[in-house]
N, C-alpha and C. Protein backbone atom coordinates (compact mmCIF):
# COMPACT_ATOMS: atom_id res chain seq x y z
N MET A 1 0.82 -1.21 0.00
CA MET A 1 0.00 0.00 0.00
C MET A 1 0.86 1.26 0.00
N ASP A 2 1.95 1.24 0.78
CA ASP A 2 2.85 2.40 0.81
C ASP A 2 3.40 2.71 -0.57
N TYR A 3 3.79 1.64 -1.29
CA TYR A 3 4.38 1.82 -2.62
C TYR A 3 3.35 2.40 -3.60
N LEU A 4 2.12 1.91 -3.52
CA LEU A 4 1.06 2.41 -4.40
C LEU A 4 0.78 3.88 -4.12
N LEU A 5 0.73 4.24 -2.85
CA LEU A 5 0.46 5.63 -2.47
C LEU A 5 1.55 6.57 -2.98
N THR A 6 2.82 6.17 -2.81
CA THR A 6 3.91 7.04 -3.27
C THR A 6 3.91 7.15 -4.80
N PHE A 7 3.54 6.06 -5.49
CA PHE A 7 3.45 6.11 -6.95
C PHE A 7 2.36 7.08 -7.38
N LEU A 8 1.20 7.00 -6.73
CA LEU A 8 0.09 7.90 -7.05
C LEU A 8 0.45 9.35 -6.74
N GLU A 9 1.22 9.55 -5.67
CA GLU A 9 1.65 10.90 -5.32
C GLU A 9 2.61 11.46 -6.38
N GLY A 10 3.43 10.59 -6.96
CA GLY A 10 4.32 11.01 -8.04
C GLY A 10 3.53 11.47 -9.26
N ILE A 11 2.50 10.69 -9.63
CA ILE A 11 1.65 11.07 -10.76
C ILE A 11 0.90 12.36 -10.46
N ALA A 12 0.38 12.46 -9.23
CA ALA A 12 -0.36 13.67 -8.84
C ALA A 12 0.55 14.90 -8.89
N SER A 13 1.84 14.72 -8.56
CA SER A 13 2.79 15.83 -8.65
C SER A 13 2.91 16.32 -10.09
N PHE A 14 2.92 15.38 -11.03
CA PHE A 14 3.07 15.73 -12.45
C PHE A 14 1.89 16.56 -12.95
N ILE A 15 0.68 16.22 -12.53
CA ILE A 15 -0.50 16.91 -13.04
C ILE A 15 -0.93 18.07 -12.14
N SER A 16 -0.05 18.47 -11.21
CA SER A 16 -0.39 19.59 -10.34
C SER A 16 -0.57 20.85 -11.17
N PRO A 17 -1.49 21.73 -10.78
CA PRO A 17 -1.82 22.91 -11.58
C PRO A 17 -0.66 23.84 -11.89
N CYS A 18 0.37 23.87 -11.02
CA CYS A 18 1.47 24.80 -11.29
C CYS A 18 2.57 24.16 -12.14
N LEU A 19 2.55 22.84 -12.30
CA LEU A 19 3.59 22.16 -13.08
C LEU A 19 3.14 21.88 -14.51
N LEU A 20 1.94 21.37 -14.67
CA LEU A 20 1.49 20.93 -15.99
C LEU A 20 1.51 22.01 -17.05
N PRO A 21 1.09 23.25 -16.74
CA PRO A 21 1.13 24.28 -17.79
C PRO A 21 2.53 24.57 -18.31
N MET A 22 3.56 24.26 -17.49
CA MET A 22 4.95 24.50 -17.90
C MET A 22 5.52 23.35 -18.72
N LEU A 23 4.76 22.25 -18.85
CA LEU A 23 5.29 21.06 -19.52
C LEU A 23 5.77 21.31 -20.94
N PRO A 24 5.01 22.02 -21.78
CA PRO A 24 5.51 22.28 -23.15
C PRO A 24 6.88 22.95 -23.18
N ILE A 25 7.15 23.84 -22.19
CA ILE A 25 8.46 24.49 -22.13
C ILE A 25 9.56 23.48 -21.84
N TYR A 26 9.31 22.59 -20.86
CA TYR A 26 10.30 21.56 -20.53
C TYR A 26 10.53 20.63 -21.73
N ILE A 27 9.45 20.25 -22.40
CA ILE A 27 9.57 19.36 -23.55
C ILE A 27 10.38 20.03 -24.65
N SER A 28 10.20 21.34 -24.84
CA SER A 28 10.96 22.05 -25.87
C SER A 28 12.45 22.02 -25.55
N TYR A 29 12.81 22.02 -24.24
CA TYR A 29 14.21 21.89 -23.85
C TYR A 29 14.73 20.51 -24.23
N PHE A 30 13.91 19.48 -23.98
CA PHE A 30 14.34 18.11 -24.28
C PHE A 30 14.58 17.92 -25.77
N ILE A 31 13.69 18.47 -26.59
CA ILE A 31 13.75 18.26 -28.03
C ILE A 31 14.81 19.14 -28.68
N GLY A 32 14.96 20.37 -28.19
CA GLY A 32 15.91 21.30 -28.80
C GLY A 32 15.33 21.91 -30.07
N GLU A 33 16.18 22.18 -31.04
CA GLU A 33 15.74 22.84 -32.28
C GLU A 33 15.12 21.88 -33.28
N ASP A 34 15.33 20.59 -33.09
CA ASP A 34 14.81 19.59 -34.03
C ASP A 34 13.56 18.95 -33.43
N ASP A 35 12.39 19.40 -33.85
CA ASP A 35 11.13 18.92 -33.30
C ASP A 35 10.86 17.45 -33.60
N SER A 36 11.53 16.90 -34.61
CA SER A 36 11.26 15.52 -35.01
C SER A 36 12.22 14.52 -34.37
N ASN A 37 13.16 15.01 -33.58
CA ASN A 37 14.18 14.14 -32.99
C ASN A 37 13.67 13.54 -31.69
N THR A 38 12.86 12.47 -31.80
CA THR A 38 12.28 11.83 -30.60
C THR A 38 13.33 11.09 -29.79
N ARG A 39 14.40 10.62 -30.46
CA ARG A 39 15.47 9.92 -29.74
C ARG A 39 16.16 10.88 -28.77
N LYS A 40 16.45 12.09 -29.25
CA LYS A 40 17.07 13.10 -28.39
C LYS A 40 16.14 13.47 -27.24
N ALA A 41 14.86 13.61 -27.55
CA ALA A 41 13.88 13.95 -26.50
C ALA A 41 13.83 12.85 -25.45
N LEU A 42 13.89 11.59 -25.89
CA LEU A 42 13.85 10.46 -24.95
C LEU A 42 15.08 10.47 -24.05
N ILE A 43 16.27 10.61 -24.64
CA ILE A 43 17.51 10.59 -23.87
C ILE A 43 17.55 11.74 -22.86
N ASN A 44 17.18 12.95 -23.31
CA ASN A 44 17.21 14.11 -22.42
C ASN A 44 16.18 14.01 -21.30
N SER A 45 15.01 13.47 -21.62
CA SER A 45 13.98 13.34 -20.59
C SER A 45 14.40 12.32 -19.54
N ILE A 46 15.09 11.26 -19.95
CA ILE A 46 15.60 10.27 -19.00
C ILE A 46 16.65 10.91 -18.10
N GLY A 47 17.55 11.71 -18.70
CA GLY A 47 18.55 12.42 -17.90
C GLY A 47 17.91 13.35 -16.90
N PHE A 48 16.87 14.05 -17.33
CA PHE A 48 16.13 14.97 -16.47
C PHE A 48 15.54 14.23 -15.27
N VAL A 49 14.92 13.09 -15.53
CA VAL A 49 14.32 12.28 -14.46
C VAL A 49 15.39 11.78 -13.49
N ILE A 50 16.53 11.35 -14.03
CA ILE A 50 17.64 10.89 -13.18
C ILE A 50 18.10 12.03 -12.27
N GLY A 51 18.15 13.24 -12.81
CA GLY A 51 18.60 14.40 -12.03
C GLY A 51 17.74 14.66 -10.82
N PHE A 52 16.42 14.76 -11.01
CA PHE A 52 15.59 15.06 -9.84
C PHE A 52 15.44 13.85 -8.92
N THR A 53 15.62 12.63 -9.47
CA THR A 53 15.56 11.43 -8.62
C THR A 53 16.72 11.41 -7.64
N ILE A 54 17.91 11.85 -8.07
CA ILE A 54 19.08 11.87 -7.19
C ILE A 54 18.79 12.71 -5.95
N VAL A 55 18.24 13.91 -6.16
CA VAL A 55 17.94 14.79 -5.03
C VAL A 55 16.86 14.19 -4.14
N PHE A 56 15.83 13.63 -4.75
CA PHE A 56 14.74 13.04 -3.97
C PHE A 56 15.22 11.85 -3.14
N LEU A 57 16.16 11.07 -3.69
CA LEU A 57 16.69 9.93 -2.94
C LEU A 57 17.47 10.40 -1.72
N LEU A 58 18.24 11.47 -1.89
CA LEU A 58 18.97 12.03 -0.75
C LEU A 58 17.99 12.50 0.34
N LEU A 59 16.89 13.09 -0.09
CA LEU A 59 15.87 13.53 0.86
C LEU A 59 15.24 12.33 1.57
N SER A 60 15.06 11.22 0.83
CA SER A 60 14.46 10.04 1.44
C SER A 60 15.37 9.41 2.48
N ILE A 61 16.69 9.42 2.22
CA ILE A 61 17.65 8.89 3.20
C ILE A 61 17.61 9.73 4.47
N PHE A 62 17.54 11.04 4.29
CA PHE A 62 17.46 11.93 5.45
C PHE A 62 16.17 11.67 6.23
N ALA A 63 15.06 11.54 5.50
CA ALA A 63 13.77 11.30 6.16
C ALA A 63 13.78 9.98 6.92
N SER A 64 14.37 8.94 6.31
CA SER A 64 14.44 7.64 6.98
C SER A 64 15.31 7.72 8.23
N SER A 65 16.40 8.47 8.15
CA SER A 65 17.30 8.62 9.30
C SER A 65 16.60 9.33 10.45
N ILE A 66 15.85 10.37 10.12
CA ILE A 66 15.10 11.10 11.14
C ILE A 66 14.06 10.19 11.77
N GLY A 67 13.44 9.36 10.93
CA GLY A 67 12.44 8.43 11.43
C GLY A 67 13.02 7.46 12.44
N GLY A 68 14.25 7.01 12.19
CA GLY A 68 14.91 6.09 13.11
C GLY A 68 15.21 6.71 14.46
N LEU A 69 15.42 8.02 14.48
CA LEU A 69 15.75 8.71 15.74
C LEU A 69 14.54 8.84 16.66
N VAL A 70 13.36 8.73 16.08
CA VAL A 70 12.15 8.93 16.89
C VAL A 70 11.36 7.64 17.07
N VAL A 71 12.06 6.51 17.00
CA VAL A 71 11.38 5.21 17.07
C VAL A 71 10.56 5.05 18.34
N ASN A 72 11.02 5.61 19.45
CA ASN A 72 10.30 5.44 20.71
C ASN A 72 9.00 6.24 20.77
N HIS A 73 8.86 7.16 19.82
CA HIS A 73 7.66 8.00 19.80
C HIS A 73 6.90 7.84 18.49
N ILE A 74 7.12 6.72 17.81
CA ILE A 74 6.58 6.55 16.47
C ILE A 74 5.05 6.62 16.43
N LYS A 75 4.39 6.12 17.49
CA LYS A 75 2.93 6.14 17.51
C LYS A 75 2.41 7.56 17.40
N TYR A 76 3.02 8.48 18.14
CA TYR A 76 2.58 9.87 18.13
C TYR A 76 3.04 10.59 16.86
N ILE A 77 4.23 10.22 16.39
CA ILE A 77 4.75 10.81 15.15
C ILE A 77 3.84 10.45 13.98
N LYS A 78 3.37 9.20 13.93
CA LYS A 78 2.48 8.76 12.86
C LYS A 78 1.19 9.57 12.85
N ILE A 79 0.67 9.83 14.05
CA ILE A 79 -0.56 10.61 14.16
C ILE A 79 -0.32 12.03 13.64
N ILE A 80 0.81 12.62 14.06
CA ILE A 80 1.13 13.99 13.61
C ILE A 80 1.33 14.03 12.11
N PHE A 81 2.14 13.06 11.59
CA PHE A 81 2.38 13.01 10.15
C PHE A 81 1.06 12.84 9.39
N GLY A 82 0.21 11.95 9.88
CA GLY A 82 -1.07 11.70 9.22
C GLY A 82 -1.92 12.94 9.17
N ILE A 83 -1.96 13.68 10.26
CA ILE A 83 -2.74 14.93 10.32
C ILE A 83 -2.18 15.94 9.33
N VAL A 84 -0.85 16.05 9.28
CA VAL A 84 -0.22 16.99 8.35
C VAL A 84 -0.59 16.65 6.90
N ILE A 85 -0.52 15.37 6.55
CA ILE A 85 -0.85 14.94 5.19
C ILE A 85 -2.31 15.25 4.87
N ILE A 86 -3.19 15.00 5.84
CA ILE A 86 -4.60 15.30 5.64
C ILE A 86 -4.81 16.79 5.42
N LEU A 87 -4.09 17.62 6.18
CA LEU A 87 -4.16 19.07 5.98
C LEU A 87 -3.70 19.45 4.58
N PHE A 88 -2.62 18.76 4.10
CA PHE A 88 -2.17 19.00 2.73
C PHE A 88 -3.31 18.71 1.75
N GLY A 89 -4.00 17.59 1.97
CA GLY A 89 -5.10 17.20 1.09
C GLY A 89 -6.24 18.19 1.12
N LEU A 90 -6.60 18.65 2.32
CA LEU A 90 -7.67 19.64 2.46
C LEU A 90 -7.30 20.95 1.78
N ASN A 91 -6.00 21.30 1.85
CA ASN A 91 -5.52 22.51 1.18
C ASN A 91 -5.64 22.35 -0.33
N TYR A 92 -5.28 21.17 -0.83
CA TYR A 92 -5.35 20.95 -2.27
C TYR A 92 -6.78 20.97 -2.78
N MET A 93 -7.72 20.53 -1.93
CA MET A 93 -9.14 20.55 -2.30
C MET A 93 -9.75 21.93 -2.06
N GLU A 94 -8.93 22.86 -1.52
CA GLU A 94 -9.33 24.23 -1.25
C GLU A 94 -10.40 24.32 -0.16
N ILE A 95 -10.46 23.28 0.68
CA ILE A 95 -11.32 23.33 1.85
C ILE A 95 -10.63 24.19 2.91
N LEU A 96 -9.30 24.03 2.99
CA LEU A 96 -8.46 24.91 3.79
C LEU A 96 -7.51 25.63 2.84
N LYS A 97 -7.03 26.80 3.24
CA LYS A 97 -6.04 27.51 2.43
C LYS A 97 -4.81 27.78 3.28
N ILE A 98 -3.72 27.07 2.96
CA ILE A 98 -2.46 27.23 3.68
C ILE A 98 -1.51 27.96 2.74
N LYS A 99 -1.25 29.22 3.02
CA LYS A 99 -0.57 30.11 2.08
C LYS A 99 0.80 29.59 1.62
N PHE A 100 1.64 29.13 2.58
CA PHE A 100 3.01 28.77 2.18
C PHE A 100 3.03 27.56 1.26
N LEU A 101 1.97 26.72 1.27
CA LEU A 101 1.91 25.57 0.38
C LEU A 101 1.50 25.96 -1.03
N ASN A 102 0.92 27.14 -1.17
CA ASN A 102 0.39 27.53 -2.45
C ASN A 102 1.30 28.49 -3.23
N LYS A 103 2.49 28.76 -2.66
CA LYS A 103 3.44 29.62 -3.34
C LYS A 103 4.28 28.80 -4.30
N THR A 104 4.54 29.33 -5.47
CA THR A 104 5.40 28.65 -6.44
C THR A 104 6.58 29.53 -6.78
N ASN A 105 7.69 28.88 -7.03
CA ASN A 105 8.92 29.61 -7.37
C ASN A 105 9.15 29.49 -8.87
N MET A 106 8.65 30.43 -9.65
CA MET A 106 8.73 30.36 -11.10
C MET A 106 10.05 30.94 -11.57
N ARG A 107 10.81 30.13 -12.24
CA ARG A 107 12.10 30.60 -12.75
C ARG A 107 12.21 30.27 -14.23
N ASN A 108 12.61 31.25 -14.98
CA ASN A 108 12.83 31.03 -16.41
C ASN A 108 14.23 30.48 -16.63
N MET A 109 14.29 29.29 -17.18
CA MET A 109 15.60 28.68 -17.41
C MET A 109 15.81 28.51 -18.92
N ASN A 110 16.99 28.87 -19.38
CA ASN A 110 17.32 28.75 -20.79
C ASN A 110 18.28 27.58 -20.97
N HIS A 111 17.80 26.53 -21.61
CA HIS A 111 18.62 25.33 -21.76
C HIS A 111 18.64 24.92 -23.24
N LYS A 112 19.36 25.72 -24.05
CA LYS A 112 19.49 25.40 -25.46
C LYS A 112 20.49 24.26 -25.64
N ASN A 113 20.27 23.49 -26.70
CA ASN A 113 21.17 22.39 -27.05
C ASN A 113 21.41 21.45 -25.85
N LEU A 114 20.34 21.07 -25.21
CA LEU A 114 20.43 20.18 -24.05
C LEU A 114 20.94 18.81 -24.49
N ASN A 115 21.85 18.23 -23.69
CA ASN A 115 22.26 16.84 -23.91
C ASN A 115 22.00 16.06 -22.62
N PHE A 116 22.38 14.78 -22.61
CA PHE A 116 22.05 13.91 -21.47
C PHE A 116 22.59 14.45 -20.16
N TRP A 117 23.85 14.88 -20.15
CA TRP A 117 24.48 15.33 -18.90
C TRP A 117 23.91 16.66 -18.45
N LYS A 118 23.65 17.56 -19.41
CA LYS A 118 23.02 18.82 -19.06
C LYS A 118 21.59 18.59 -18.55
N ALA A 119 20.95 17.56 -19.11
CA ALA A 119 19.58 17.25 -18.69
C ALA A 119 19.56 16.77 -17.24
N ILE A 120 20.59 16.03 -16.83
CA ILE A 120 20.69 15.61 -15.43
C ILE A 120 20.80 16.84 -14.53
N LEU A 121 21.66 17.79 -14.93
CA LEU A 121 21.80 19.03 -14.17
C LEU A 121 20.48 19.79 -14.15
N PHE A 122 19.79 19.81 -15.26
CA PHE A 122 18.48 20.45 -15.35
C PHE A 122 17.51 19.82 -14.35
N GLY A 123 17.57 18.47 -14.26
CA GLY A 123 16.72 17.76 -13.31
C GLY A 123 17.06 18.11 -11.86
N LEU A 124 18.35 18.26 -11.59
CA LEU A 124 18.78 18.65 -10.24
C LEU A 124 18.22 20.03 -9.89
N LEU A 125 18.33 20.96 -10.83
CA LEU A 125 17.82 22.31 -10.61
C LEU A 125 16.30 22.30 -10.47
N PHE A 126 15.65 21.47 -11.26
CA PHE A 126 14.19 21.35 -11.19
C PHE A 126 13.76 20.91 -9.79
N SER A 127 14.44 19.91 -9.24
CA SER A 127 14.05 19.37 -7.94
C SER A 127 14.18 20.40 -6.84
N ILE A 128 15.11 21.35 -7.02
CA ILE A 128 15.32 22.39 -6.00
C ILE A 128 14.37 23.58 -6.23
N SER A 129 14.33 24.09 -7.45
CA SER A 129 13.58 25.32 -7.72
C SER A 129 12.07 25.10 -7.76
N TRP A 130 11.66 23.86 -8.07
CA TRP A 130 10.22 23.61 -8.17
C TRP A 130 9.66 22.83 -6.99
N THR A 131 10.45 22.69 -5.92
CA THR A 131 9.94 21.98 -4.74
C THR A 131 8.66 22.61 -4.20
N PRO A 132 8.53 23.95 -4.15
CA PRO A 132 7.26 24.50 -3.67
C PRO A 132 6.07 24.10 -4.53
N CYS A 133 6.33 23.85 -5.83
CA CYS A 133 5.25 23.49 -6.74
C CYS A 133 4.74 22.08 -6.47
N ILE A 134 5.66 21.15 -6.26
CA ILE A 134 5.27 19.76 -6.02
C ILE A 134 5.40 19.40 -4.55
N GLY A 135 5.65 20.43 -3.72
CA GLY A 135 5.97 20.19 -2.31
C GLY A 135 4.91 19.44 -1.54
N THR A 136 3.63 19.65 -1.89
CA THR A 136 2.56 18.98 -1.16
C THR A 136 2.71 17.47 -1.23
N PHE A 137 2.88 16.94 -2.44
CA PHE A 137 2.95 15.49 -2.60
C PHE A 137 4.32 14.94 -2.24
N LEU A 138 5.37 15.71 -2.51
CA LEU A 138 6.71 15.28 -2.11
C LEU A 138 6.81 15.20 -0.59
N SER A 139 6.28 16.19 0.10
CA SER A 139 6.29 16.17 1.57
C SER A 139 5.51 14.99 2.11
N SER A 140 4.38 14.70 1.48
CA SER A 140 3.58 13.56 1.90
C SER A 140 4.36 12.26 1.75
N ALA A 141 5.05 12.11 0.61
CA ALA A 141 5.86 10.90 0.39
C ALA A 141 6.98 10.80 1.42
N LEU A 142 7.63 11.92 1.72
CA LEU A 142 8.72 11.91 2.69
C LEU A 142 8.21 11.60 4.10
N LEU A 143 7.02 12.05 4.43
CA LEU A 143 6.45 11.73 5.73
C LEU A 143 6.16 10.24 5.85
N LEU A 144 5.66 9.64 4.77
CA LEU A 144 5.41 8.20 4.77
C LEU A 144 6.73 7.43 4.93
N ILE A 145 7.77 7.93 4.28
CA ILE A 145 9.09 7.29 4.34
C ILE A 145 9.67 7.39 5.75
N ALA A 146 9.57 8.58 6.36
CA ALA A 146 10.08 8.77 7.72
C ALA A 146 9.38 7.84 8.70
N LYS A 147 8.09 7.61 8.47
CA LYS A 147 7.31 6.72 9.34
C LYS A 147 7.87 5.31 9.34
N GLU A 148 8.42 4.86 8.19
CA GLU A 148 8.89 3.48 8.06
C GLU A 148 10.20 3.22 8.82
N GLN A 149 11.02 4.24 9.04
CA GLN A 149 12.30 4.11 9.74
C GLN A 149 13.23 3.08 9.10
N ASP A 150 13.13 2.91 7.81
CA ASP A 150 13.90 1.90 7.08
C ASP A 150 14.50 2.58 5.85
N ILE A 151 15.83 2.78 5.86
CA ILE A 151 16.48 3.52 4.77
C ILE A 151 16.28 2.83 3.42
N LEU A 152 16.43 1.49 3.39
CA LEU A 152 16.28 0.77 2.13
C LEU A 152 14.86 0.90 1.59
N LYS A 153 13.89 0.70 2.46
CA LYS A 153 12.49 0.83 2.01
C LYS A 153 12.21 2.26 1.61
N GLY A 154 12.81 3.22 2.34
CA GLY A 154 12.62 4.62 1.99
C GLY A 154 13.15 4.94 0.61
N ILE A 155 14.31 4.38 0.28
CA ILE A 155 14.90 4.59 -1.05
C ILE A 155 13.99 4.00 -2.13
N ILE A 156 13.48 2.79 -1.87
CA ILE A 156 12.59 2.14 -2.84
C ILE A 156 11.31 2.96 -3.03
N MET A 157 10.75 3.44 -1.91
CA MET A 157 9.53 4.24 -1.99
C MET A 157 9.77 5.52 -2.78
N MET A 158 10.92 6.16 -2.56
CA MET A 158 11.20 7.39 -3.29
C MET A 158 11.48 7.12 -4.76
N LEU A 159 12.10 5.98 -5.05
CA LEU A 159 12.29 5.58 -6.45
C LEU A 159 10.93 5.44 -7.14
N ILE A 160 9.99 4.83 -6.42
CA ILE A 160 8.64 4.64 -6.99
C ILE A 160 7.95 5.98 -7.18
N TYR A 161 8.14 6.89 -6.21
CA TYR A 161 7.59 8.24 -6.36
C TYR A 161 8.18 8.91 -7.61
N SER A 162 9.50 8.79 -7.77
CA SER A 162 10.18 9.41 -8.91
C SER A 162 9.73 8.79 -10.22
N VAL A 163 9.45 7.48 -10.20
CA VAL A 163 8.92 6.82 -11.40
C VAL A 163 7.55 7.38 -11.74
N GLY A 164 6.71 7.55 -10.70
CA GLY A 164 5.38 8.12 -10.93
C GLY A 164 5.44 9.51 -11.51
N LEU A 165 6.41 10.31 -11.07
CA LEU A 165 6.59 11.66 -11.60
C LEU A 165 7.33 11.65 -12.93
N GLY A 166 8.29 10.72 -13.08
CA GLY A 166 9.17 10.73 -14.24
C GLY A 166 8.59 10.13 -15.50
N ILE A 167 7.84 9.03 -15.38
CA ILE A 167 7.29 8.36 -16.57
C ILE A 167 6.44 9.31 -17.42
N PRO A 168 5.54 10.10 -16.82
CA PRO A 168 4.77 11.04 -17.66
C PRO A 168 5.65 12.04 -18.40
N PHE A 169 6.77 12.47 -17.77
CA PHE A 169 7.70 13.37 -18.47
C PHE A 169 8.27 12.69 -19.71
N ILE A 170 8.70 11.45 -19.54
CA ILE A 170 9.32 10.72 -20.65
C ILE A 170 8.31 10.45 -21.76
N ILE A 171 7.11 10.00 -21.39
CA ILE A 171 6.07 9.74 -22.38
C ILE A 171 5.71 11.03 -23.12
N SER A 172 5.59 12.10 -22.36
CA SER A 172 5.22 13.39 -22.97
C SER A 172 6.28 13.87 -23.94
N ALA A 173 7.55 13.59 -23.64
CA ALA A 173 8.64 14.04 -24.50
C ALA A 173 8.59 13.39 -25.87
N ILE A 174 8.15 12.14 -25.93
CA ILE A 174 8.13 11.44 -27.22
C ILE A 174 6.76 11.51 -27.92
N LEU A 175 5.75 11.90 -27.17
CA LEU A 175 4.40 11.94 -27.75
C LEU A 175 3.75 13.32 -27.61
N ILE A 176 4.57 14.37 -27.56
CA ILE A 176 4.06 15.70 -27.28
C ILE A 176 2.97 16.13 -28.26
N GLU A 177 3.13 15.84 -29.54
CA GLU A 177 2.15 16.26 -30.54
C GLU A 177 0.82 15.54 -30.33
N LYS A 178 0.89 14.24 -30.03
CA LYS A 178 -0.32 13.45 -29.86
C LYS A 178 -1.04 13.74 -28.54
N LEU A 179 -0.29 14.30 -27.57
CA LEU A 179 -0.86 14.52 -26.25
C LEU A 179 -1.35 15.95 -26.01
N LYS A 180 -1.25 16.80 -27.02
CA LYS A 180 -1.65 18.19 -26.84
C LYS A 180 -3.10 18.31 -26.38
N ASN A 181 -3.97 17.52 -26.97
CA ASN A 181 -5.38 17.57 -26.59
C ASN A 181 -5.59 17.08 -25.17
N VAL A 182 -4.78 16.09 -24.77
CA VAL A 182 -4.88 15.56 -23.41
C VAL A 182 -4.49 16.63 -22.40
N PHE A 183 -3.39 17.33 -22.67
CA PHE A 183 -2.94 18.39 -21.76
C PHE A 183 -3.99 19.50 -21.66
N GLN A 184 -4.60 19.82 -22.79
CA GLN A 184 -5.62 20.86 -22.79
C GLN A 184 -6.83 20.43 -21.96
N TYR A 185 -7.17 19.16 -22.08
CA TYR A 185 -8.30 18.61 -21.30
C TYR A 185 -8.02 18.69 -19.81
N ILE A 186 -6.80 18.29 -19.43
CA ILE A 186 -6.42 18.31 -18.01
C ILE A 186 -6.46 19.73 -17.47
N LYS A 187 -5.90 20.68 -18.24
CA LYS A 187 -5.88 22.07 -17.77
C LYS A 187 -7.29 22.65 -17.63
N SER A 188 -8.22 22.18 -18.46
CA SER A 188 -9.59 22.70 -18.39
C SER A 188 -10.41 22.02 -17.30
N HIS A 189 -9.83 21.01 -16.65
CA HIS A 189 -10.54 20.30 -15.57
C HIS A 189 -9.73 20.30 -14.28
N TYR A 190 -9.02 21.42 -14.04
CA TYR A 190 -8.17 21.49 -12.85
C TYR A 190 -8.96 21.33 -11.56
N GLY A 191 -10.19 21.83 -11.55
CA GLY A 191 -10.99 21.74 -10.33
C GLY A 191 -11.17 20.30 -9.89
N ILE A 192 -11.54 19.45 -10.83
CA ILE A 192 -11.75 18.03 -10.53
C ILE A 192 -10.42 17.37 -10.18
N ILE A 193 -9.37 17.69 -10.93
CA ILE A 193 -8.06 17.09 -10.69
C ILE A 193 -7.55 17.44 -9.30
N LYS A 194 -7.72 18.68 -8.88
CA LYS A 194 -7.27 19.09 -7.55
C LYS A 194 -8.04 18.35 -6.46
N LYS A 195 -9.33 18.14 -6.67
CA LYS A 195 -10.12 17.40 -5.69
C LYS A 195 -9.66 15.95 -5.58
N ILE A 196 -9.41 15.32 -6.73
CA ILE A 196 -8.92 13.93 -6.74
C ILE A 196 -7.55 13.86 -6.05
N SER A 197 -6.69 14.82 -6.36
CA SER A 197 -5.36 14.86 -5.74
C SER A 197 -5.49 15.02 -4.23
N GLY A 198 -6.40 15.89 -3.80
CA GLY A 198 -6.62 16.07 -2.37
C GLY A 198 -7.11 14.80 -1.69
N ILE A 199 -7.99 14.08 -2.37
CA ILE A 199 -8.50 12.81 -1.82
C ILE A 199 -7.37 11.80 -1.65
N ILE A 200 -6.46 11.76 -2.63
CA ILE A 200 -5.31 10.85 -2.54
C ILE A 200 -4.49 11.15 -1.29
N LEU A 201 -4.27 12.45 -1.02
CA LEU A 201 -3.50 12.85 0.16
C LEU A 201 -4.24 12.50 1.45
N ILE A 202 -5.53 12.73 1.48
CA ILE A 202 -6.31 12.42 2.68
C ILE A 202 -6.27 10.93 2.98
N ILE A 203 -6.40 10.11 1.94
CA ILE A 203 -6.30 8.65 2.12
C ILE A 203 -4.93 8.27 2.65
N ALA A 204 -3.87 8.92 2.11
CA ALA A 204 -2.51 8.66 2.58
C ALA A 204 -2.37 9.03 4.05
N GLY A 205 -2.99 10.15 4.44
CA GLY A 205 -2.92 10.58 5.83
C GLY A 205 -3.63 9.63 6.77
N ILE A 206 -4.82 9.18 6.39
CA ILE A 206 -5.56 8.22 7.21
C ILE A 206 -4.80 6.92 7.33
N TYR A 207 -4.21 6.48 6.22
CA TYR A 207 -3.44 5.23 6.22
C TYR A 207 -2.24 5.34 7.17
N THR A 208 -1.59 6.50 7.16
CA THR A 208 -0.44 6.73 8.04
C THR A 208 -0.84 6.63 9.51
N ILE A 209 -1.98 7.21 9.86
CA ILE A 209 -2.43 7.19 11.25
C ILE A 209 -2.82 5.78 11.70
N ILE A 210 -3.53 5.06 10.84
CA ILE A 210 -4.05 3.73 11.23
C ILE A 210 -2.97 2.66 11.22
N PHE A 211 -2.10 2.69 10.20
CA PHE A 211 -1.11 1.63 10.04
C PHE A 211 0.30 2.11 10.41
């Protein structure tokens, strides 16, 4: 169940309202000047995913380590973590409004002639500069990881989260033309998407408290 929740949180991060509208810009970086070069787009998108996964894995190790330090109080920590995740969900559903969770750090990055290694660096920068944008679901995943107090399981869970976030990037990079209508549909139904995303977080919070 933990693995499924972190995977769903990764997907929810991808379709978050502040990230999805920027997707065409990221894809243009992956493709470069040759719009028909799907091989280049694939390689660069994989590098990009590797970049942000590295940072997220480091965060998961830290979260697991912190979890191990509070083993004697895990029952209360789980309750607190669960409540925090539920609050994240309520915020996403706009039932509550938590200002610091709704701030985004928009930065214009110029990445012409991107290659695999530059794409990894791009992914590293993405994980840092866009954390406020995906912070709700990333924080939820890290709270679940800290609860487990197991570094290996934490790494696996974060890998699964990164897969959930990364696969849509890779698919979008090679199918951008065919997916334009899909992206437009998602953007026009943000209200429903935010509610579904909030429900996912609330379920994750309840699961954390009970189990």
